[in-house]
């Protein structure tokens, strides 16, 4: 890999409340991703993002668990 390219692993965790037709629910999302950044003309640009693992919980119950 050339020095103008970096690969980072990021983790995003979001919690909050959402309103659905059946009422209010607690939402909890964790997303782990691998991002590739490249320096082009002295400015860093994200060139690729790949989700590695996503977990979505509603009211504490896992409704989606994708990835490794």
Protein backbone atom coordinates (compact mmCIF):
# COMPACT_ATOMS: atom_id res chain seq x y z
CA UNK A 1 0.00 0.00 0.00
CA UNK A 2 1.35 3.43 -0.85
CA UNK A 3 1.86 6.10 1.85
CA UNK A 4 -0.99 8.23 0.48
CA UNK A 5 -3.52 5.53 1.46
CA UNK A 6 -4.65 4.52 4.95
CA UNK A 7 -7.10 1.88 6.14
CA UNK A 8 -8.89 2.39 9.45
CA UNK A 9 -11.40 0.36 11.45
CA UNK A 10 -14.18 2.48 12.89
CA UNK A 11 -16.95 1.75 15.38
CA UNK A 12 -20.14 3.80 15.42
CA UNK A 13 -22.60 3.37 18.30
CA UNK A 14 -25.94 5.18 18.22
CA UNK A 15 -28.71 4.98 20.81
CA UNK A 16 -31.99 6.77 21.00
CA UNK A 17 -35.73 6.54 20.88
CA UNK A 18 -37.89 6.09 17.82
CA UNK A 19 -41.60 6.31 17.25
CA UNK A 20 -43.29 3.61 15.19
CA UNK A 21 -46.98 3.01 14.45
CA UNK A 22 -47.12 0.74 17.52
CA UNK A 23 -45.55 3.29 19.87
CA UNK A 24 -42.13 4.40 21.14
CA UNK A 25 -39.14 2.06 21.14
CA UNK A 26 -35.51 2.17 22.31
CA UNK A 27 -33.05 1.84 19.41
CA UNK A 28 -29.41 0.73 19.73
CA UNK A 29 -27.17 0.37 16.66
CA UNK A 30 -23.48 -0.62 16.55
CA UNK A 31 -21.65 -0.59 13.22
CA UNK A 32 -18.03 -1.66 12.77
CA UNK A 33 -16.55 -0.73 9.39
CA UNK A 34 -13.28 -0.72 7.48
CA UNK A 35 -12.69 2.60 5.72
CA UNK A 36 -10.04 3.39 3.11
CA UNK A 37 -8.80 6.98 2.79
CA UNK A 38 -6.54 8.41 0.09
CA UNK A 39 -4.69 11.72 -0.04
CA UNK A 40 -5.49 13.40 -3.36
CA UNK A 41 -4.00 16.82 -4.02
CA UNK A 42 -3.27 17.25 -0.30
CA UNK A 43 -6.84 16.48 0.76
CA UNK A 44 -7.96 13.20 2.35
CA UNK A 45 -10.94 11.53 0.68
CA UNK A 46 -12.75 8.40 1.73
CA UNK A 47 -12.59 6.03 -1.22
CA UNK A 48 -14.18 2.90 0.24
CA UNK A 49 -16.21 1.78 3.24
CA UNK A 50 -17.04 -1.83 4.07
CA UNK A 51 -19.36 -2.81 6.91
CA UNK A 52 -17.76 -5.55 8.99
CA UNK A 53 -20.43 -6.08 11.66
CA UNK A 54 -23.78 -4.44 12.30
CA UNK A 55 -26.00 -5.10 15.31
CA UNK A 56 -29.43 -3.47 15.60
CA UNK A 57 -31.47 -3.78 18.78
CA UNK A 58 -35.00 -2.56 19.39
CA UNK A 59 -36.17 -2.54 22.99
CA UNK A 60 -33.06 -4.60 23.86
CA UNK A 61 -33.90 -7.37 21.38
CA UNK A 62 -31.49 -8.07 18.51
CA UNK A 63 -33.38 -7.62 15.23
CA UNK A 64 -30.32 -7.65 12.96
CA UNK A 65 -26.84 -9.15 13.43
CA UNK A 66 -24.88 -9.13 10.20
CA UNK A 67 -21.21 -9.74 9.54
CA UNK A 68 -18.44 -11.41 11.48
